[in-house]
Structure formats: structure tokens, C-alpha cells
């Protein structure tokens, strides 16, 4: 038996019902947009916190470099100091002005960094960042800033200054670009000079700049007299063994260590090998006294004439 059921007739919504549905949909859409905006705001806040944290860490690192202790001689004369300076950089992708014109002006202001072609290459590279000058003076920063290029930026950093120039260069050594000692006492005392608990306390060496200058002058004169390629000398305190002066020639300027060659950077007194020569005579005499060959310091040996022993003179 087949039962026929009539299709239900759809109920037509009234205008009020349609308005209620539209209002509900609008409310839901607004809530969804608010949730999305809140999520975006949280992401932005998180990025901001990360940026602040990174900035604080960077500031801490800069402060550490800035607190590197000074080095002085035995009488307090300054040998190495840390001063404020600037870094000049550029964002090539954000360059607005004519790169050729800017390169020419940079080459005129900073010729030691390269010629116009060099700076043009830096300005036209497909990179976000490039250094133009590290440890620049305030005067140079002012001149470069006068170019008026927004893509050229400036940041403070620290600079190690050696006020005595080339004096005691090998004994002092120099720093790497990240502010750590690479040679000499700068390397030996690296941790001590960077110790924040020692900030403001200069480290005194046994060197005496007056003796150092005199020894460098005499060795330089001797090099000229004998047309020597190098010279080295050390002055010691016979009572304590302290090094009063240490000279190696040719020398270099630690303020411009990048311009020094391998021969200038090599410390002859500590990195070269020489025959003992007359310095071995005290050892020979001490051995003779210890073995009983020499029993009295009153005896004298004539060393003014050559001696022939076994066919050898």
C-alpha cells in the first residue's frame, strides 16, 4: 500500500527574521576580525620585546668593550686607552642619491678606504648592509653626514688608542676588530682588561717609556749605520728580571695595524732565532767554576789574541 505525503510548504521568513540573521552574521564577523587583530597585536608586541632584548644585549656587549682597561708604563704614562668613536655604514638597497656622485664624495673624504670605484661597488651591491668606515672620528662623521644620503647611517662604538704611536708597539700588541687582544700584552692581559670588576683600574707594565724611547733611538741609528734589515734589544732590571724596554725594528703603528706587513708585525726579540754568541760565556764560566776547573777568580786568561786548539784557531 503506497502512502502519499505532501511536500511541506516552506515557511517564508519575515523581514524581522532576515534582519536578525544579518545582525548575527555581522556580529560573528566583527568578533572574528577582533580576534585576528588581537593575534596580530600579540605578534607585534612579541617582536618588539625581542628587539628590545636584542638591543639590550648589544648595549651590554658595547659596554664591555668600552670598559676595556687602560695600559700604562711603570710611571703611569699612558700606553693604551679606550675612547668613543663612530662606525659609518650604508644600506645599499635604500640608496636614494646618485651612487656615482656619492662614491666620488666618499672617496674624497675617506681615501684610505678606497677609490671612487671601490665605494661605487659598495653602494651598488645587492646587500642590505655594508661598512664604509670603522672607528671614525666625529669630524669625519660630520663631513659624511653633510652628504645628506639617508641610506648612510652612523653608530657609536669604541676605539683602542695608542697615544705613544709606534713606541713599544710589539710589547703592547694590538686588537682584533671585535676588541680582543691579538698579540703582545693586549693578548696576554685580554681577560683582565675586559674584567668588569677591574673597570677604571689601569694595568701598569714594567716598561719605562723613557728607556724604551732611548733604546729605539739607538737601535734605529745602528740600523742606519750598518744598513741592517732589522734590530732588536731588551733592557732588564738585573735585580728583579723585569723588562724595562723591549724594542723590535722595523716597527708598526698599532693605531693603523692594517697597514703593517708581516716583517713589521714580527717581534725580533721573541720570534727570531739567533746564535748564542757572547751570551753563552756566563754559562761556560759557571760550568768551569762548578766543575772545579776554575778555582780562583784571581786568575786571568789572555783573550786578546786568538788561541789555536787542535789545528783550529
C-alpha atoms as a PDB file:
ATOM      1  CA  UNK A   1       0.000   0.000   0.000  1.00  0.00           C
ATOM      2  CA  UNK A   2       1.501   3.294  -1.049  1.00  0.00           C
ATOM      3  CA  UNK A   3       1.120   6.343   1.109  1.00  0.00           C
ATOM      4  CA  UNK A   4       1.475   9.703  -0.500  1.00  0.00           C
ATOM      5  CA  UNK A   5       2.809  12.516   1.665  1.00  0.00           C
ATOM      6  CA  UNK A   6       2.534  16.091   0.535  1.00  0.00           C
ATOM      7  CA  UNK A   7       5.755  18.201   0.355  1.00  0.00           C
ATOM      8  CA  UNK A   8       5.956  20.643   3.246  1.00  0.00           C
ATOM      9  CA  UNK A   9       5.433  24.169   2.192  1.00  0.00           C
ATOM     10  CA  UNK A  10       8.497  26.304   3.180  1.00  0.00           C
ATOM     11  CA  UNK A  11       7.802  28.983   5.659  1.00  0.00           C
ATOM     12  CA  UNK A  12       8.633  32.413   4.355  1.00  0.00           C
ATOM     13  CA  UNK A  13      10.864  34.447   6.675  1.00  0.00           C
ATOM     14  CA  UNK A  14       9.641  37.796   7.713  1.00  0.00           C
ATOM     15  CA  UNK A  15      11.695  40.970   7.328  1.00  0.00           C
ATOM     16  CA  UNK A  16      12.423  40.940  11.066  1.00  0.00           C
ATOM     17  CA  UNK A  17      13.840  37.419  10.923  1.00  0.00           C
ATOM     18  CA  UNK A  18      16.075  38.300   7.973  1.00  0.00           C
ATOM     19  CA  UNK A  19      17.395  41.356   9.850  1.00  0.00           C
ATOM     20  CA  UNK A  20      18.172  39.206  12.906  1.00  0.00           C
ATOM     21  CA  UNK A  21      20.147  36.726  10.791  1.00  0.00           C
ATOM     22  CA  UNK A  22      22.145  39.518   9.140  1.00  0.00           C
ATOM     23  CA  UNK A  23      22.857  41.085  12.538  1.00  0.00           C
ATOM     24  CA  UNK A  24      24.062  37.739  13.914  1.00  0.00           C
ATOM     25  CA  UNK A  25      26.365  37.213  10.933  1.00  0.00           C
ATOM     26  CA  UNK A  26      27.698  40.753  11.277  1.00  0.00           C
ATOM     27  CA  UNK A  27      28.399  40.194  14.988  1.00  0.00           C
ATOM     28  CA  UNK A  28      30.245  36.958  14.283  1.00  0.00           C
ATOM     29  CA  UNK A  29      32.309  38.650  11.566  1.00  0.00           C
ATOM     30  CA  UNK A  30      33.237  41.502  13.913  1.00  0.00           C
ATOM     31  CA  UNK A  31      34.288  39.034  16.623  1.00  0.00           C
ATOM     32  CA  UNK A  32      36.439  37.146  14.106  1.00  0.00           C
ATOM     33  CA  UNK A  33      38.096  40.395  12.995  1.00  0.00           C
ATOM     34  CA  UNK A  34      38.749  41.384  16.621  1.00  0.00           C
ATOM     35  CA  UNK A  35      40.344  38.005  17.329  1.00  0.00           C
ATOM     36  CA  UNK A  36      42.542  38.365  14.238  1.00  0.00           C
ATOM     37  CA  UNK A  37      43.562  41.895  15.255  1.00  0.00           C
ATOM     38  CA  UNK A  38      44.401  40.677  18.762  1.00  0.00           C
ATOM     39  CA  UNK A  39      46.597  37.918  17.323  1.00  0.00           C
ATOM     40  CA  UNK A  40      48.418  40.422  15.105  1.00  0.00           C
ATOM     41  CA  UNK A  41      48.888  42.740  18.090  1.00  0.00           C
ATOM     42  CA  UNK A  42      50.384  39.912  20.148  1.00  0.00           C
ATOM     43  CA  UNK A  43      52.840  39.110  17.345  1.00  0.00           C
ATOM     44  CA  UNK A  44      53.865  42.776  17.076  1.00  0.00           C
ATOM     45  CA  UNK A  45      54.332  43.027  20.848  1.00  0.00           C
ATOM     46  CA  UNK A  46      56.462  39.884  20.837  1.00  0.00           C
ATOM     47  CA  UNK A  47      58.653  41.218  18.033  1.00  0.00           C
ATOM     48  CA  UNK A  48      59.022  44.466  19.934  1.00  0.00           C
ATOM     49  CA  UNK A  49      60.124  42.622  23.067  1.00  0.00           C
ATOM     50  CA  UNK A  50      62.659  40.637  21.062  1.00  0.00           C
ATOM     51  CA  UNK A  51      64.012  43.836  19.531  1.00  0.00           C
ATOM     52  CA  UNK A  52      64.346  45.457  22.956  1.00  0.00           C
ATOM     53  CA  UNK A  53      66.055  42.373  24.361  1.00  0.00           C
ATOM     54  CA  UNK A  54      68.476  42.206  21.425  1.00  0.00           C
ATOM     55  CA  UNK A  55      69.203  45.893  21.812  1.00  0.00           C
ATOM     56  CA  UNK A  56      69.942  45.418  25.488  1.00  0.00           C
ATOM     57  CA  UNK A  57      72.316  42.564  24.712  1.00  0.00           C
ATOM     58  CA  UNK A  58      74.072  44.662  22.068  1.00  0.00           C
ATOM     59  CA  UNK A  59      74.370  47.527  24.525  1.00  0.00           C
ATOM     60  CA  UNK A  60      75.887  45.153  27.051  1.00  0.00           C
ATOM     61  CA  UNK A  61      78.469  43.981  24.543  1.00  0.00           C
ATOM     62  CA  UNK A  62      79.371  47.544  23.608  1.00  0.00           C
ATOM     63  CA  UNK A  63      79.672  48.463  27.269  1.00  0.00           C
ATOM     64  CA  UNK A  64      82.009  45.520  27.793  1.00  0.00           C
ATOM     65  CA  UNK A  65      84.293  46.732  25.037  1.00  0.00           C
ATOM     66  CA  UNK A  66      84.117  50.275  26.341  1.00  0.00           C
ATOM     67  CA  UNK A  67      85.252  49.127  29.795  1.00  0.00           C
ATOM     68  CA  UNK A  68      88.499  47.592  28.500  1.00  0.00           C
ATOM     69  CA  UNK A  69      91.130  48.797  30.916  1.00  0.00           C
ATOM     70  CA  UNK A  70      93.927  51.207  30.092  1.00  0.00           C
ATOM     71  CA  UNK A  71      97.582  50.170  29.978  1.00  0.00           C
ATOM     72  CA  UNK A  72     100.270  52.421  31.466  1.00  0.00           C
ATOM     73  CA  UNK A  73     104.030  52.154  31.982  1.00  0.00           C
ATOM     74  CA  UNK A  74     105.715  51.781  35.380  1.00  0.00           C
ATOM     75  CA  UNK A  75     105.432  55.543  35.970  1.00  0.00           C
ATOM     76  CA  UNK A  76     101.812  55.909  34.838  1.00  0.00           C
ATOM     77  CA  UNK A  77     102.482  57.166  31.291  1.00  0.00           C
ATOM     78  CA  UNK A  78      99.550  56.090  29.049  1.00  0.00           C
ATOM     79  CA  UNK A  79     100.317  53.319  26.558  1.00  0.00           C
ATOM     80  CA  UNK A  80      96.819  52.165  25.522  1.00  0.00           C
ATOM     81  CA  UNK A  81      93.398  53.738  26.094  1.00  0.00           C
ATOM     82  CA  UNK A  82      89.792  53.121  25.042  1.00  0.00           C
ATOM     83  CA  UNK A  83      87.868  56.068  23.586  1.00  0.00           C
ATOM     84  CA  UNK A  84      84.495  56.600  21.891  1.00  0.00           C
ATOM     85  CA  UNK A  85      84.326  56.645  18.102  1.00  0.00           C
ATOM     86  CA  UNK A  86      81.834  56.024  15.277  1.00  0.00           C
ATOM     87  CA  UNK A  87      81.007  53.458  12.619  1.00  0.00           C
ATOM     88  CA  UNK A  88      79.873  54.695   9.203  1.00  0.00           C
ATOM     89  CA  UNK A  89      77.705  52.204   7.304  1.00  0.00           C
ATOM     90  CA  UNK A  90      75.355  52.133   4.333  1.00  0.00           C
ATOM     91  CA  UNK A  91      72.190  50.286   3.316  1.00  0.00           C
ATOM     92  CA  UNK A  92      72.752  49.941  -0.465  1.00  0.00           C
ATOM     93  CA  UNK A  93      69.185  48.811  -1.218  1.00  0.00           C
ATOM     94  CA  UNK A  94      67.824  52.000   0.370  1.00  0.00           C
ATOM     95  CA  UNK A  95      70.123  54.364  -1.534  1.00  0.00           C
ATOM     96  CA  UNK A  96      68.309  57.421  -2.879  1.00  0.00           C
ATOM     97  CA  UNK A  97      71.029  59.609  -4.390  1.00  0.00           C
ATOM     98  CA  UNK A  98      73.256  59.015  -7.414  1.00  0.00           C
ATOM     99  CA  UNK A  99      75.719  56.254  -6.411  1.00  0.00           C
ATOM    100  CA  UNK A 100      78.468  57.596  -8.669  1.00  0.00           C
ATOM    101  CA  UNK A 101      78.271  61.078  -7.152  1.00  0.00           C
ATOM    102  CA  UNK A 102      78.142  59.729  -3.589  1.00  0.00           C
ATOM    103  CA  UNK A 103      81.070  57.388  -4.301  1.00  0.00           C
ATOM    104  CA  UNK A 104      83.172  60.322  -5.511  1.00  0.00           C
ATOM    105  CA  UNK A 105      82.424  62.314  -2.360  1.00  0.00           C
ATOM    106  CA  UNK A 106      83.163  59.353  -0.089  1.00  0.00           C
ATOM    107  CA  UNK A 107      86.480  58.729  -1.852  1.00  0.00           C
ATOM    108  CA  UNK A 108      87.437  62.361  -1.280  1.00  0.00           C
ATOM    109  CA  UNK A 109      86.581  62.145   2.433  1.00  0.00           C
ATOM    110  CA  UNK A 110      87.938  58.635   3.094  1.00  0.00           C
ATOM    111  CA  UNK A 111      90.728  57.948   0.554  1.00  0.00           C
ATOM    112  CA  UNK A 112      92.340  55.361   2.833  1.00  0.00           C
ATOM    113  CA  UNK A 113      89.251  53.173   2.397  1.00  0.00           C
ATOM    114  CA  UNK A 114      89.483  53.022  -1.382  1.00  0.00           C
ATOM    115  CA  UNK A 115      88.948  54.987  -4.575  1.00  0.00           C
ATOM    116  CA  UNK A 116      85.699  56.038  -6.248  1.00  0.00           C
ATOM    117  CA  UNK A 117      85.319  52.661  -7.970  1.00  0.00           C
ATOM    118  CA  UNK A 118      85.582  50.868  -4.626  1.00  0.00           C
ATOM    119  CA  UNK A 119      82.860  52.953  -2.994  1.00  0.00           C
ATOM    120  CA  UNK A 120      80.659  52.703  -6.089  1.00  0.00           C
ATOM    121  CA  UNK A 121      80.910  48.920  -5.845  1.00  0.00           C
ATOM    122  CA  UNK A 122      79.821  49.054  -2.185  1.00  0.00           C
ATOM    123  CA  UNK A 123      76.896  51.361  -2.918  1.00  0.00           C
ATOM    124  CA  UNK A 124      75.543  49.252  -5.785  1.00  0.00           C
ATOM    125  CA  UNK A 125      75.806  45.817  -4.197  1.00  0.00           C
ATOM    126  CA  UNK A 126      72.613  43.802  -3.767  1.00  0.00           C
ATOM    127  CA  UNK A 127      73.029  43.637   0.003  1.00  0.00           C
ATOM    128  CA  UNK A 128      71.225  45.205   2.931  1.00  0.00           C
ATOM    129  CA  UNK A 129      74.276  46.465   4.810  1.00  0.00           C
ATOM    130  CA  UNK A 130      77.957  47.326   4.292  1.00  0.00           C
ATOM    131  CA  UNK A 131      80.623  49.089   6.353  1.00  0.00           C
ATOM    132  CA  UNK A 132      82.166  52.261   4.968  1.00  0.00           C
ATOM    133  CA  UNK A 133      84.463  53.188   7.876  1.00  0.00           C
ATOM    134  CA  UNK A 134      85.110  51.671  11.287  1.00  0.00           C
ATOM    135  CA  UNK A 135      86.270  53.790  14.230  1.00  0.00           C
ATOM    136  CA  UNK A 136      85.696  57.107  12.504  1.00  0.00           C
ATOM    137  CA  UNK A 137      86.335  60.442  14.188  1.00  0.00           C
ATOM    138  CA  UNK A 138      83.450  62.829  14.992  1.00  0.00           C
ATOM    139  CA  UNK A 139      84.827  65.287  12.427  1.00  0.00           C
ATOM    140  CA  UNK A 140      84.664  62.671   9.656  1.00  0.00           C
ATOM    141  CA  UNK A 141      81.143  61.672  10.716  1.00  0.00           C
ATOM    142  CA  UNK A 142      80.041  65.289  10.401  1.00  0.00           C
ATOM    143  CA  UNK A 143      81.532  65.565   6.903  1.00  0.00           C
ATOM    144  CA  UNK A 144      79.933  62.329   5.674  1.00  0.00           C
ATOM    145  CA  UNK A 145      76.605  63.292   7.226  1.00  0.00           C
ATOM    146  CA  UNK A 146      76.726  66.528   5.222  1.00  0.00           C
ATOM    147  CA  UNK A 147      76.351  64.437   2.038  1.00  0.00           C
ATOM    148  CA  UNK A 148      72.700  64.097   3.038  1.00  0.00           C
ATOM    149  CA  UNK A 149      72.173  60.482   1.978  1.00  0.00           C
ATOM    150  CA  UNK A 150      69.571  58.779   4.263  1.00  0.00           C
ATOM    151  CA  UNK A 151      70.961  55.320   3.466  1.00  0.00           C
ATOM    152  CA  UNK A 152      74.265  56.222   5.146  1.00  0.00           C
ATOM    153  CA  UNK A 153      73.930  55.611   8.885  1.00  0.00           C
ATOM    154  CA  UNK A 154      76.135  56.165  11.920  1.00  0.00           C
ATOM    155  CA  UNK A 155      76.556  54.222  15.161  1.00  0.00           C
ATOM    156  CA  UNK A 156      78.724  54.693  18.226  1.00  0.00           C
ATOM    157  CA  UNK A 157      81.455  52.189  19.033  1.00  0.00           C
ATOM    158  CA  UNK A 158      84.719  52.087  20.963  1.00  0.00           C
ATOM    159  CA  UNK A 159      88.251  52.536  19.687  1.00  0.00           C
ATOM    160  CA  UNK A 160      91.571  51.456  21.168  1.00  0.00           C
ATOM    161  CA  UNK A 161      94.027  54.343  21.041  1.00  0.00           C
ATOM    162  CA  UNK A 162      97.788  54.036  21.433  1.00  0.00           C
ATOM    163  CA  UNK A 163      98.937  57.571  22.331  1.00  0.00           C
ATOM    164  CA  UNK A 164     102.648  56.719  22.036  1.00  0.00           C
ATOM    165  CA  UNK A 165     102.176  55.705  18.370  1.00  0.00           C
ATOM    166  CA  UNK A 166     104.901  53.207  17.392  1.00  0.00           C
ATOM    167  CA  UNK A 167     106.646  53.251  20.788  1.00  0.00           C
ATOM    168  CA  UNK A 168     106.637  49.757  22.365  1.00  0.00           C
ATOM    169  CA  UNK A 169     104.280  48.545  19.630  1.00  0.00           C
ATOM    170  CA  UNK A 170     105.438  44.919  19.765  1.00  0.00           C
ATOM    171  CA  UNK A 171     105.319  44.786  23.552  1.00  0.00           C
ATOM    172  CA  UNK A 172     101.789  46.207  23.606  1.00  0.00           C
ATOM    173  CA  UNK A 173     100.356  44.363  20.607  1.00  0.00           C
ATOM    174  CA  UNK A 174      97.000  45.250  19.053  1.00  0.00           C
ATOM    175  CA  UNK A 175      93.305  44.297  18.997  1.00  0.00           C
ATOM    176  CA  UNK A 176      91.092  42.476  16.520  1.00  0.00           C
ATOM    177  CA  UNK A 177      88.018  44.183  15.054  1.00  0.00           C
ATOM    178  CA  UNK A 178      85.856  42.650  17.793  1.00  0.00           C
ATOM    179  CA  UNK A 179      88.015  44.176  20.521  1.00  0.00           C
ATOM    180  CA  UNK A 180      90.110  41.215  21.678  1.00  0.00           C
ATOM    181  CA  UNK A 181      93.895  41.135  22.010  1.00  0.00           C
ATOM    182  CA  UNK A 182      95.743  39.571  19.089  1.00  0.00           C
ATOM    183  CA  UNK A 183      99.365  39.932  20.219  1.00  0.00           C
ATOM    184  CA  UNK A 184     101.617  41.379  22.899  1.00  0.00           C
ATOM    185  CA  UNK A 185     100.336  42.345  26.328  1.00  0.00           C
ATOM    186  CA  UNK A 186      96.914  43.111  24.855  1.00  0.00           C
ATOM    187  CA  UNK A 187      96.569  39.378  24.250  1.00  0.00           C
ATOM    188  CA  UNK A 188      98.242  38.250  27.482  1.00  0.00           C
ATOM    189  CA  UNK A 189      96.053  40.546  29.600  1.00  0.00           C
ATOM    190  CA  UNK A 190      92.896  40.246  27.479  1.00  0.00           C
ATOM    191  CA  UNK A 191      90.670  38.736  30.185  1.00  0.00           C
ATOM    192  CA  UNK A 192      91.983  41.059  32.878  1.00  0.00           C
ATOM    193  CA  UNK A 193      91.484  44.156  30.733  1.00  0.00           C
ATOM    194  CA  UNK A 194      87.885  43.113  29.966  1.00  0.00           C
ATOM    195  CA  UNK A 195      87.033  42.162  33.551  1.00  0.00           C
ATOM    196  CA  UNK A 196      84.128  44.455  34.602  1.00  0.00           C
ATOM    197  CA  UNK A 197      85.241  44.242  38.237  1.00  0.00           C
ATOM    198  CA  UNK A 198      88.520  45.909  37.210  1.00  0.00           C
ATOM    199  CA  UNK A 199      86.864  48.742  35.271  1.00  0.00           C
ATOM    200  CA  UNK A 200      88.657  52.039  35.734  1.00  0.00           C
ATOM    201  CA  UNK A 201      91.818  50.407  37.055  1.00  0.00           C
ATOM    202  CA  UNK A 202      94.727  50.752  34.593  1.00  0.00           C
ATOM    203  CA  UNK A 203      97.206  47.907  34.287  1.00  0.00           C
ATOM    204  CA  UNK A 204     100.808  49.004  34.875  1.00  0.00           C
ATOM    205  CA  UNK A 205     103.600  47.295  32.930  1.00  0.00           C
ATOM    206  CA  UNK A 206     107.255  47.156  33.918  1.00  0.00           C
ATOM    207  CA  UNK A 207     108.166  49.177  30.805  1.00  0.00           C
ATOM    208  CA  UNK A 208     109.610  52.668  31.139  1.00  0.00           C
ATOM    209  CA  UNK A 209     108.760  54.823  28.118  1.00  0.00           C
ATOM    210  CA  UNK A 210     111.918  56.905  28.621  1.00  0.00           C
ATOM    211  CA  UNK A 211     114.212  53.877  28.426  1.00  0.00           C
ATOM    212  CA  UNK A 212     112.070  52.461  25.613  1.00  0.00           C
ATOM    213  CA  UNK A 213     112.429  55.639  23.553  1.00  0.00           C
ATOM    214  CA  UNK A 214     116.192  55.795  24.140  1.00  0.00           C
ATOM    215  CA  UNK A 215     116.682  52.160  23.119  1.00  0.00           C
ATOM    216  CA  UNK A 216     114.557  52.573  19.991  1.00  0.00           C
ATOM    217  CA  UNK A 217     116.549  55.659  19.027  1.00  0.00           C
ATOM    218  CA  UNK A 218     119.919  53.925  19.439  1.00  0.00           C
ATOM    219  CA  UNK A 219     118.855  50.791  17.574  1.00  0.00           C
ATOM    220  CA  UNK A 220     117.396  52.900  14.779  1.00  0.00           C
ATOM    221  CA  UNK A 221     120.692  54.755  14.459  1.00  0.00           C
ATOM    222  CA  UNK A 222     122.593  51.459  14.383  1.00  0.00           C
ATOM    223  CA  UNK A 223     120.310  50.120  11.643  1.00  0.00           C
ATOM    224  CA  UNK A 224     121.115  53.150   9.535  1.00  0.00           C
ATOM    225  CA  UNK A 225     124.853  52.883  10.181  1.00  0.00           C
ATOM    226  CA  UNK A 226     125.131  49.229   9.214  1.00  0.00           C
ATOM    227  CA  UNK A 227     122.277  49.152   6.659  1.00  0.00           C
ATOM    228  CA  UNK A 228     120.657  46.401   8.712  1.00  0.00           C
ATOM    229  CA  UNK A 229     117.285  44.905   7.855  1.00  0.00           C
ATOM    230  CA  UNK A 230     116.256  44.712  11.491  1.00  0.00           C
ATOM    231  CA  UNK A 231     117.324  45.208  15.085  1.00  0.00           C
ATOM    232  CA  UNK A 232     116.140  44.112  18.484  1.00  0.00           C
ATOM    233  CA  UNK A 233     117.037  44.812  22.076  1.00  0.00           C
ATOM    234  CA  UNK A 234     115.847  44.244  25.636  1.00  0.00           C
ATOM    235  CA  UNK A 235     116.726  46.127  28.825  1.00  0.00           C
ATOM    236  CA  UNK A 236     116.233  44.161  32.059  1.00  0.00           C
ATOM    237  CA  UNK A 237     116.348  45.103  35.715  1.00  0.00           C
ATOM    238  CA  UNK A 238     119.256  42.974  36.967  1.00  0.00           C
ATOM    239  CA  UNK A 239     117.748  42.771  40.454  1.00  0.00           C
ATOM    240  CA  UNK A 240     114.179  41.717  39.562  1.00  0.00           C
ATOM    241  CA  UNK A 241     114.374  40.497  35.961  1.00  0.00           C
ATOM    242  CA  UNK A 242     111.647  42.960  34.938  1.00  0.00           C
ATOM    243  CA  UNK A 243     111.604  44.065  31.304  1.00  0.00           C
ATOM    244  CA  UNK A 244     112.268  47.812  31.275  1.00  0.00           C
ATOM    245  CA  UNK A 245     112.335  48.121  27.478  1.00  0.00           C
ATOM    246  CA  UNK A 246     111.722  45.803  24.535  1.00  0.00           C
ATOM    247  CA  UNK A 247     112.409  47.003  21.003  1.00  0.00           C
ATOM    248  CA  UNK A 248     111.938  45.325  17.636  1.00  0.00           C
ATOM    249  CA  UNK A 249     112.718  47.147  14.389  1.00  0.00           C
ATOM    250  CA  UNK A 250     111.188  47.665  11.895  1.00  0.00           C
ATOM    251  CA  UNK A 251     108.117  48.519  13.910  1.00  0.00           C
ATOM    252  CA  UNK A 252     104.472  49.401  13.181  1.00  0.00           C
ATOM    253  CA  UNK A 253     101.756  51.753  14.354  1.00  0.00           C
ATOM    254  CA  UNK A 254      99.107  49.801  16.329  1.00  0.00           C
ATOM    255  CA  UNK A 255      96.633  52.588  15.556  1.00  0.00           C
ATOM    256  CA  UNK A 256      96.892  51.536  11.886  1.00  0.00           C
ATOM    257  CA  UNK A 257      97.817  47.895  12.152  1.00  0.00           C
ATOM    258  CA  UNK A 258      96.131  47.120   8.830  1.00  0.00           C
ATOM    259  CA  UNK A 259      98.908  48.988   7.018  1.00  0.00           C
ATOM    260  CA  UNK A 260     101.692  46.875   8.578  1.00  0.00           C
ATOM    261  CA  UNK A 261     103.328  43.950   6.793  1.00  0.00           C
ATOM    262  CA  UNK A 262     104.473  40.641   8.233  1.00  0.00           C
ATOM    263  CA  UNK A 263     108.040  41.904   8.761  1.00  0.00           C
ATOM    264  CA  UNK A 264     106.827  44.880  10.769  1.00  0.00           C
ATOM    265  CA  UNK A 265     104.489  42.747  12.898  1.00  0.00           C
ATOM    266  CA  UNK A 266     107.145  40.153  13.755  1.00  0.00           C
ATOM    267  CA  UNK A 267     108.799  40.690  17.135  1.00  0.00           C
ATOM    268  CA  UNK A 268     112.510  40.037  16.548  1.00  0.00           C
ATOM    269  CA  UNK A 269     113.272  39.708  20.251  1.00  0.00           C
ATOM    270  CA  UNK A 270     110.751  36.908  20.857  1.00  0.00           C
ATOM    271  CA  UNK A 271     110.075  35.333  17.457  1.00  0.00           C
ATOM    272  CA  UNK A 272     113.525  35.145  15.849  1.00  0.00           C
ATOM    273  CA  UNK A 273     116.303  32.592  16.392  1.00  0.00           C
ATOM    274  CA  UNK A 274     119.932  33.722  16.864  1.00  0.00           C
ATOM    275  CA  UNK A 275     123.207  32.025  17.760  1.00  0.00           C
ATOM    276  CA  UNK A 276     124.021  32.477  21.440  1.00  0.00           C
ATOM    277  CA  UNK A 277     127.415  34.118  20.842  1.00  0.00           C
ATOM    278  CA  UNK A 278     128.787  36.024  23.817  1.00  0.00           C
ATOM    279  CA  UNK A 279     125.603  35.446  25.816  1.00  0.00           C
ATOM    280  CA  UNK A 280     126.800  31.860  26.328  1.00  0.00           C
ATOM    281  CA  UNK A 281     130.050  32.938  28.050  1.00  0.00           C
ATOM    282  CA  UNK A 282     128.483  33.241  31.534  1.00  0.00           C
ATOM    283  CA  UNK A 283     127.165  29.678  31.180  1.00  0.00           C
ATOM    284  CA  UNK A 284     130.649  28.446  30.211  1.00  0.00           C
ATOM    285  CA  UNK A 285     132.231  30.240  33.162  1.00  0.00           C
ATOM    286  CA  UNK A 286     129.589  28.943  35.570  1.00  0.00           C
ATOM    287  CA  UNK A 287     130.232  25.386  34.359  1.00  0.00           C
ATOM    288  CA  UNK A 288     134.001  25.836  34.791  1.00  0.00           C
ATOM    289  CA  UNK A 289     133.513  27.046  38.341  1.00  0.00           C
ATOM    290  CA  UNK A 290     131.030  24.285  39.152  1.00  0.00           C
ATOM    291  CA  UNK A 291     133.344  21.516  37.915  1.00  0.00           C
ATOM    292  CA  UNK A 292     136.410  22.934  39.681  1.00  0.00           C
ATOM    293  CA  UNK A 293     138.303  23.897  36.518  1.00  0.00           C
ATOM    294  CA  UNK A 294     138.360  27.463  37.801  1.00  0.00           C
ATOM    295  CA  UNK A 295     139.173  27.635  41.480  1.00  0.00           C
ATOM    296  CA  UNK A 296     140.076  31.283  41.845  1.00  0.00           C
ATOM    297  CA  UNK A 297     138.558  34.420  40.346  1.00  0.00           C
ATOM    298  CA  UNK A 298     142.027  35.998  40.635  1.00  0.00           C
ATOM    299  CA  UNK A 299     143.284  34.043  37.634  1.00  0.00           C
ATOM    300  CA  UNK A 300     143.094  35.815  34.305  1.00  0.00           C
ATOM    301  CA  UNK A 301     143.154  34.412  30.781  1.00  0.00           C
ATOM    302  CA  UNK A 302     144.552  36.454  27.913  1.00  0.00           C
ATOM    303  CA  UNK A 303     141.746  36.680  25.380  1.00  0.00           C
ATOM    304  CA  UNK A 304     143.323  39.453  23.330  1.00  0.00           C
ATOM    305  CA  UNK A 305     144.966  37.001  20.932  1.00  0.00           C
ATOM    306  CA  UNK A 306     143.446  34.031  19.097  1.00  0.00           C
ATOM    307  CA  UNK A 307     144.030  30.577  20.572  1.00  0.00           C
ATOM    308  CA  UNK A 308     144.969  27.538  18.481  1.00  0.00           C
ATOM    309  CA  UNK A 309     143.438  24.281  19.649  1.00  0.00           C
ATOM    310  CA  UNK A 310     143.731  21.085  17.626  1.00  0.00           C
ATOM    311  CA  UNK A 311     144.593  22.876  14.433  1.00  0.00           C
ATOM    312  CA  UNK A 312     141.730  25.318  14.800  1.00  0.00           C
ATOM    313  CA  UNK A 313     142.055  28.998  15.655  1.00  0.00           C
END
